[in-house]
Structures are given as C-alpha cells and as structure tokens.
Amino acid sequence: MSYFKKAIVASVLVFISNFTFAAKDISSSTVNYVYQLDSDATVFEFSASVSHSCGSNLYRVKSPNESVANRKFSLILTAFTTNGKVAFHDTQSCEGNRSVVAWVRLIK
C-alpha cells in the first residue's frame, strides 16, 4: 500500500474515532425544568444539573415518533415532579446551546 493510501486510511480512522468519543453517558442528574415544544410533538427539552460542551445545561430530546417521545417525556417529567434523578446519553451534538439526547432512564 502506498504512503498516500496509508495516510488517507489513517485520517479516516482518526476522524471516525473522534465521533466515537464525542458522546457520553450521564449517570445521574436532577431535572430543573422540562417543556414540550409546540412546533414538534417528537421533540422536547429539559434543563439538567449537568452542563455540557455546547455551553449550557439545556438538553433536547428527539424521537422518531410521538409514542417514543411521550415515553421519554414521561420519564423526565416523573423525575422532575418527584425530585428523582435521570440518566441519559448526551450525544454532544449541539443545536444552538442545547445538546441532543439519545436515550433517557429514570434512576433511584
């Protein structure tokens, strides 16, 4: 394999590995507030006690359909109303100063 091809393969691997390490799991956080956007039933946002790399503690949860969004919303709302804690996956994909969340989990 030529030097040029090796350099391209190495560059691609480094680029892909940066995306692998970009996301992180938040193991425990409290919810400060939660709200549903009027514009899209599959998206809602919440404020957590954990800051992220987008510059705030605001998170946006996107779901493929309304039923999934409603389940995730009810988990976050339960944590908020009971002063419980949530765990979630911060994709560290920024939309403004909000970080997109992939999954949420209610914890003790």
N, C-alpha and C. Protein backbone atom coordinates (compact mmCIF):
# COMPACT_ATOMS: atom_id res chain seq x y z
N MET A 1 0.85 -1.17 0.00
CA MET A 1 0.00 0.00 0.00
C MET A 1 0.90 1.24 0.00
N SER A 2 0.56 2.19 -0.82
CA SER A 2 1.39 3.39 -0.93
C SER A 2 1.22 4.29 0.30
N TYR A 3 2.16 5.18 0.45
CA TYR A 3 2.14 6.12 1.58
C TYR A 3 0.86 6.96 1.56
N PHE A 4 0.45 7.39 0.38
CA PHE A 4 -0.74 8.22 0.25
C PHE A 4 -1.99 7.48 0.71
N LYS A 5 -2.14 6.23 0.32
CA LYS A 5 -3.29 5.43 0.74
C LYS A 5 -3.29 5.19 2.24
N LYS A 6 -2.11 4.93 2.80
CA LYS A 6 -1.99 4.75 4.25
C LYS A 6 -2.39 6.01 4.99
N ALA A 7 -1.98 7.16 4.46
CA ALA A 7 -2.31 8.43 5.10
C ALA A 7 -3.82 8.69 5.07
N ILE A 8 -4.46 8.33 3.96
CA ILE A 8 -5.91 8.51 3.85
C ILE A 8 -6.63 7.58 4.83
N VAL A 9 -6.22 6.32 4.89
CA VAL A 9 -6.84 5.37 5.81
C VAL A 9 -6.66 5.83 7.25
N ALA A 10 -5.45 6.27 7.59
CA ALA A 10 -5.19 6.75 8.95
C ALA A 10 -6.04 7.97 9.28
N SER A 11 -6.18 8.88 8.33
CA SER A 11 -7.00 10.08 8.54
C SER A 11 -8.46 9.72 8.77
N VAL A 12 -8.97 8.79 7.99
CA VAL A 12 -10.36 8.36 8.15
C VAL A 12 -10.57 7.72 9.51
N LEU A 13 -9.64 6.87 9.94
CA LEU A 13 -9.76 6.22 11.24
C LEU A 13 -9.72 7.23 12.39
N VAL A 14 -8.88 8.22 12.30
CA VAL A 14 -8.81 9.26 13.33
C VAL A 14 -10.11 10.06 13.34
N PHE A 15 -10.61 10.39 12.17
CA PHE A 15 -11.86 11.16 12.07
C PHE A 15 -13.02 10.38 12.68
N ILE A 16 -13.13 9.10 12.36
CA ILE A 16 -14.21 8.26 12.89
C ILE A 16 -14.07 8.09 14.39
N SER A 17 -12.86 7.91 14.88
CA SER A 17 -12.67 7.71 16.32
C SER A 17 -13.04 8.95 17.11
N ASN A 18 -12.90 10.13 16.54
CA ASN A 18 -13.33 11.35 17.24
C ASN A 18 -14.82 11.34 17.48
N PHE A 19 -15.60 10.81 16.55
CA PHE A 19 -17.04 10.71 16.74
C PHE A 19 -17.38 9.65 17.78
N THR A 20 -16.59 8.63 17.87
CA THR A 20 -16.83 7.58 18.84
C THR A 20 -16.71 8.11 20.26
N PHE A 21 -15.75 8.97 20.49
CA PHE A 21 -15.52 9.51 21.83
C PHE A 21 -16.30 10.78 22.11
N ALA A 22 -17.04 11.30 21.13
CA ALA A 22 -17.71 12.57 21.29
C ALA A 22 -18.91 12.49 22.23
N ALA A 23 -19.58 11.36 22.29
CA ALA A 23 -20.77 11.24 23.12
C ALA A 23 -20.41 10.68 24.49
N LYS A 24 -21.31 10.93 25.47
CA LYS A 24 -21.06 10.38 26.80
C LYS A 24 -22.37 10.11 27.52
N ASP A 25 -22.32 9.15 28.42
CA ASP A 25 -23.46 8.83 29.26
C ASP A 25 -23.40 9.67 30.53
N ILE A 26 -24.52 10.26 30.90
CA ILE A 26 -24.64 10.98 32.16
C ILE A 26 -25.31 10.00 33.12
N SER A 27 -24.61 9.62 34.16
CA SER A 27 -25.12 8.56 35.04
C SER A 27 -26.15 9.04 36.05
N SER A 28 -26.13 10.33 36.40
CA SER A 28 -27.09 10.83 37.38
C SER A 28 -27.21 12.34 37.27
N SER A 29 -28.42 12.81 37.18
CA SER A 29 -28.69 14.24 37.08
C SER A 29 -30.09 14.53 37.60
N THR A 30 -30.27 15.70 38.16
CA THR A 30 -31.60 16.15 38.52
C THR A 30 -32.15 17.00 37.37
N VAL A 31 -33.46 17.14 37.32
CA VAL A 31 -34.12 17.90 36.27
C VAL A 31 -34.63 19.21 36.88
N ASN A 32 -34.19 20.33 36.32
CA ASN A 32 -34.61 21.64 36.81
C ASN A 32 -35.96 22.05 36.25
N TYR A 33 -36.18 21.79 34.98
CA TYR A 33 -37.48 22.01 34.35
C TYR A 33 -37.54 21.24 33.04
N VAL A 34 -38.75 21.03 32.55
CA VAL A 34 -38.97 20.31 31.30
C VAL A 34 -40.09 21.02 30.54
N TYR A 35 -39.98 21.04 29.22
CA TYR A 35 -41.06 21.62 28.43
C TYR A 35 -41.14 20.99 27.06
N GLN A 36 -42.37 20.97 26.56
CA GLN A 36 -42.67 20.41 25.24
C GLN A 36 -42.75 21.55 24.24
N LEU A 37 -42.12 21.39 23.12
CA LEU A 37 -42.17 22.41 22.07
C LEU A 37 -43.51 22.32 21.35
N ASP A 38 -44.09 23.46 21.02
CA ASP A 38 -45.35 23.48 20.28
C ASP A 38 -45.16 23.08 18.82
N SER A 39 -43.97 23.30 18.31
CA SER A 39 -43.74 23.11 16.88
C SER A 39 -43.56 21.66 16.45
N ASP A 40 -43.18 20.77 17.39
CA ASP A 40 -42.90 19.38 17.01
C ASP A 40 -43.22 18.46 18.17
N ALA A 41 -44.13 17.54 17.98
CA ALA A 41 -44.55 16.63 19.06
C ALA A 41 -43.50 15.57 19.38
N THR A 42 -42.48 15.44 18.54
CA THR A 42 -41.44 14.43 18.78
C THR A 42 -40.20 15.01 19.45
N VAL A 43 -40.26 16.28 19.83
CA VAL A 43 -39.11 16.96 20.44
C VAL A 43 -39.54 17.63 21.73
N PHE A 44 -38.73 17.48 22.78
CA PHE A 44 -38.93 18.26 24.00
C PHE A 44 -37.58 18.60 24.58
N GLU A 45 -37.57 19.51 25.52
CA GLU A 45 -36.32 19.97 26.11
C GLU A 45 -36.41 19.95 27.63
N PHE A 46 -35.25 19.81 28.26
CA PHE A 46 -35.20 19.90 29.72
C PHE A 46 -33.88 20.52 30.14
N SER A 47 -33.89 21.03 31.35
CA SER A 47 -32.69 21.58 31.96
C SER A 47 -32.24 20.61 33.04
N ALA A 48 -30.96 20.27 33.02
CA ALA A 48 -30.41 19.30 33.97
C ALA A 48 -29.35 19.97 34.84
N SER A 49 -28.96 19.28 35.89
CA SER A 49 -27.93 19.80 36.78
C SER A 49 -26.53 19.62 36.22
N VAL A 50 -26.40 18.99 35.06
CA VAL A 50 -25.11 18.72 34.44
C VAL A 50 -24.95 19.60 33.20
N SER A 51 -23.85 20.33 33.12
CA SER A 51 -23.55 21.14 31.94
C SER A 51 -22.92 20.27 30.86
N HIS A 52 -22.93 20.77 29.64
CA HIS A 52 -22.36 20.03 28.51
C HIS A 52 -21.47 20.94 27.67
N SER A 53 -20.89 20.37 26.64
CA SER A 53 -19.91 21.09 25.81
C SER A 53 -20.53 22.14 24.89
N CYS A 54 -21.85 22.21 24.81
CA CYS A 54 -22.50 23.21 23.96
C CYS A 54 -22.66 24.55 24.69
N GLY A 55 -22.31 24.59 25.97
CA GLY A 55 -22.29 25.85 26.69
C GLY A 55 -23.44 26.10 27.62
N SER A 56 -24.25 25.11 27.93
CA SER A 56 -25.35 25.32 28.87
C SER A 56 -25.70 24.00 29.56
N ASN A 57 -26.82 23.99 30.25
CA ASN A 57 -27.32 22.75 30.84
C ASN A 57 -28.69 22.40 30.26
N LEU A 58 -28.95 22.86 29.03
CA LEU A 58 -30.19 22.58 28.33
C LEU A 58 -29.99 21.42 27.37
N TYR A 59 -30.94 20.49 27.40
CA TYR A 59 -30.86 19.30 26.56
C TYR A 59 -32.11 19.19 25.70
N ARG A 60 -31.94 18.71 24.47
CA ARG A 60 -33.07 18.49 23.55
C ARG A 60 -33.17 17.00 23.28
N VAL A 61 -34.37 16.48 23.46
CA VAL A 61 -34.63 15.06 23.21
C VAL A 61 -35.44 14.94 21.93
N LYS A 62 -34.91 14.21 20.97
CA LYS A 62 -35.60 13.98 19.70
C LYS A 62 -35.95 12.51 19.61
N SER A 63 -37.13 12.22 19.09
CA SER A 63 -37.60 10.85 18.98
C SER A 63 -38.11 10.60 17.57
N PRO A 64 -38.10 9.34 17.14
CA PRO A 64 -38.56 9.03 15.79
C PRO A 64 -40.07 9.16 15.60
N ASN A 65 -40.83 9.05 16.70
CA ASN A 65 -42.29 9.19 16.59
C ASN A 65 -42.85 9.68 17.92
N GLU A 66 -44.14 10.01 17.93
CA GLU A 66 -44.76 10.60 19.12
C GLU A 66 -44.83 9.65 20.31
N SER A 67 -45.05 8.37 20.07
CA SER A 67 -45.16 7.44 21.21
C SER A 67 -43.82 7.32 21.95
N VAL A 68 -42.73 7.27 21.22
CA VAL A 68 -41.41 7.23 21.85
C VAL A 68 -41.14 8.54 22.59
N ALA A 69 -41.49 9.65 21.96
CA ALA A 69 -41.31 10.96 22.60
C ALA A 69 -42.13 11.07 23.88
N ASN A 70 -43.36 10.56 23.85
CA ASN A 70 -44.20 10.61 25.06
C ASN A 70 -43.62 9.78 26.19
N ARG A 71 -43.06 8.62 25.88
CA ARG A 71 -42.44 7.78 26.93
C ARG A 71 -41.23 8.48 27.54
N LYS A 72 -40.39 9.04 26.70
CA LYS A 72 -39.21 9.75 27.21
C LYS A 72 -39.63 10.98 28.02
N PHE A 73 -40.64 11.70 27.52
CA PHE A 73 -41.12 12.88 28.23
C PHE A 73 -41.68 12.50 29.60
N SER A 74 -42.41 11.39 29.67
CA SER A 74 -42.98 10.99 30.96
C SER A 74 -41.89 10.60 31.95
N LEU A 75 -40.79 10.01 31.50
CA LEU A 75 -39.68 9.69 32.39
C LEU A 75 -39.05 10.97 32.96
N ILE A 76 -38.79 11.92 32.09
CA ILE A 76 -38.19 13.19 32.54
C ILE A 76 -39.16 13.93 33.45
N LEU A 77 -40.44 13.96 33.09
CA LEU A 77 -41.44 14.64 33.91
C LEU A 77 -41.58 13.97 35.27
N THR A 78 -41.52 12.67 35.33
CA THR A 78 -41.56 11.95 36.61
C THR A 78 -40.38 12.33 37.49
N ALA A 79 -39.20 12.38 36.90
CA ALA A 79 -38.02 12.79 37.67
C ALA A 79 -38.19 14.21 38.20
N PHE A 80 -38.75 15.08 37.38
CA PHE A 80 -38.95 16.47 37.80
C PHE A 80 -39.96 16.57 38.94
N THR A 81 -41.09 15.91 38.81
CA THR A 81 -42.16 16.06 39.81
C THR A 81 -41.86 15.33 41.12
N THR A 82 -41.01 14.30 41.08
CA THR A 82 -40.71 13.54 42.30
C THR A 82 -39.33 13.86 42.87
N ASN A 83 -38.67 14.86 42.31
CA ASN A 83 -37.29 15.20 42.68
C ASN A 83 -36.36 14.00 42.53
N GLY A 84 -36.67 13.17 41.54
CA GLY A 84 -35.85 12.00 41.25
C GLY A 84 -34.67 12.36 40.36
N LYS A 85 -33.97 11.34 39.95
CA LYS A 85 -32.80 11.52 39.10
C LYS A 85 -32.97 10.75 37.80
N VAL A 86 -32.29 11.25 36.78
CA VAL A 86 -32.30 10.61 35.48
C VAL A 86 -30.87 10.34 35.03
N ALA A 87 -30.74 9.34 34.20
CA ALA A 87 -29.52 9.08 33.46
C ALA A 87 -29.89 9.24 31.99
N PHE A 88 -28.94 9.71 31.20
CA PHE A 88 -29.23 9.89 29.77
C PHE A 88 -27.94 9.88 28.97
N HIS A 89 -28.09 9.76 27.66
CA HIS A 89 -26.96 9.73 26.76
C HIS A 89 -26.86 11.06 26.03
N ASP A 90 -25.84 11.83 26.37
CA ASP A 90 -25.57 13.12 25.74
C ASP A 90 -24.76 12.86 24.48
N THR A 91 -25.35 13.11 23.31
CA THR A 91 -24.64 12.86 22.06
C THR A 91 -23.58 13.92 21.80
N GLN A 92 -23.62 15.01 22.54
CA GLN A 92 -22.74 16.16 22.38
C GLN A 92 -22.84 16.72 20.96
N SER A 93 -24.01 16.59 20.39
CA SER A 93 -24.34 17.20 19.12
C SER A 93 -25.12 18.46 19.45
N CYS A 94 -24.57 19.61 19.14
CA CYS A 94 -25.16 20.88 19.55
C CYS A 94 -26.19 21.39 18.56
N GLU A 95 -27.28 21.90 19.09
CA GLU A 95 -28.28 22.66 18.34
C GLU A 95 -28.44 23.96 19.10
N GLY A 96 -27.70 24.95 18.68
CA GLY A 96 -27.61 26.18 19.46
C GLY A 96 -26.84 25.86 20.73
N ASN A 97 -27.41 26.24 21.87
CA ASN A 97 -26.75 25.92 23.14
C ASN A 97 -27.38 24.68 23.80
N ARG A 98 -28.08 23.88 23.02
CA ARG A 98 -28.69 22.65 23.53
C ARG A 98 -27.95 21.44 22.98
N SER A 99 -27.78 20.43 23.82
CA SER A 99 -27.15 19.19 23.40
C SER A 99 -28.25 18.14 23.19
N VAL A 100 -28.14 17.38 22.12
CA VAL A 100 -29.16 16.39 21.78
C VAL A 100 -28.95 15.12 22.62
N VAL A 101 -30.05 14.59 23.14
CA VAL A 101 -30.04 13.39 23.98
C VAL A 101 -30.61 12.22 23.19
N ALA A 102 -29.96 11.05 23.30
CA ALA A 102 -30.42 9.87 22.56
C ALA A 102 -31.41 9.05 23.39
N TRP A 103 -31.08 8.71 24.64
CA TRP A 103 -31.97 7.91 25.47
C TRP A 103 -32.02 8.50 26.87
N VAL A 104 -33.07 8.19 27.60
CA VAL A 104 -33.22 8.63 28.99
C VAL A 104 -33.63 7.45 29.85
N ARG A 105 -33.25 7.53 31.13
CA ARG A 105 -33.59 6.47 32.08
C ARG A 105 -33.86 7.11 33.43
N LEU A 106 -34.91 6.69 34.09
CA LEU A 106 -35.24 7.14 35.45
C LEU A 106 -34.48 6.27 36.43
N ILE A 107 -33.79 6.88 37.41
CA ILE A 107 -32.99 6.12 38.36
C ILE A 107 -33.36 6.52 39.78
N LYS A 108 -32.95 5.70 40.74
CA LYS A 108 -33.21 5.99 42.17
C LYS A 108 -32.26 7.04 42.67
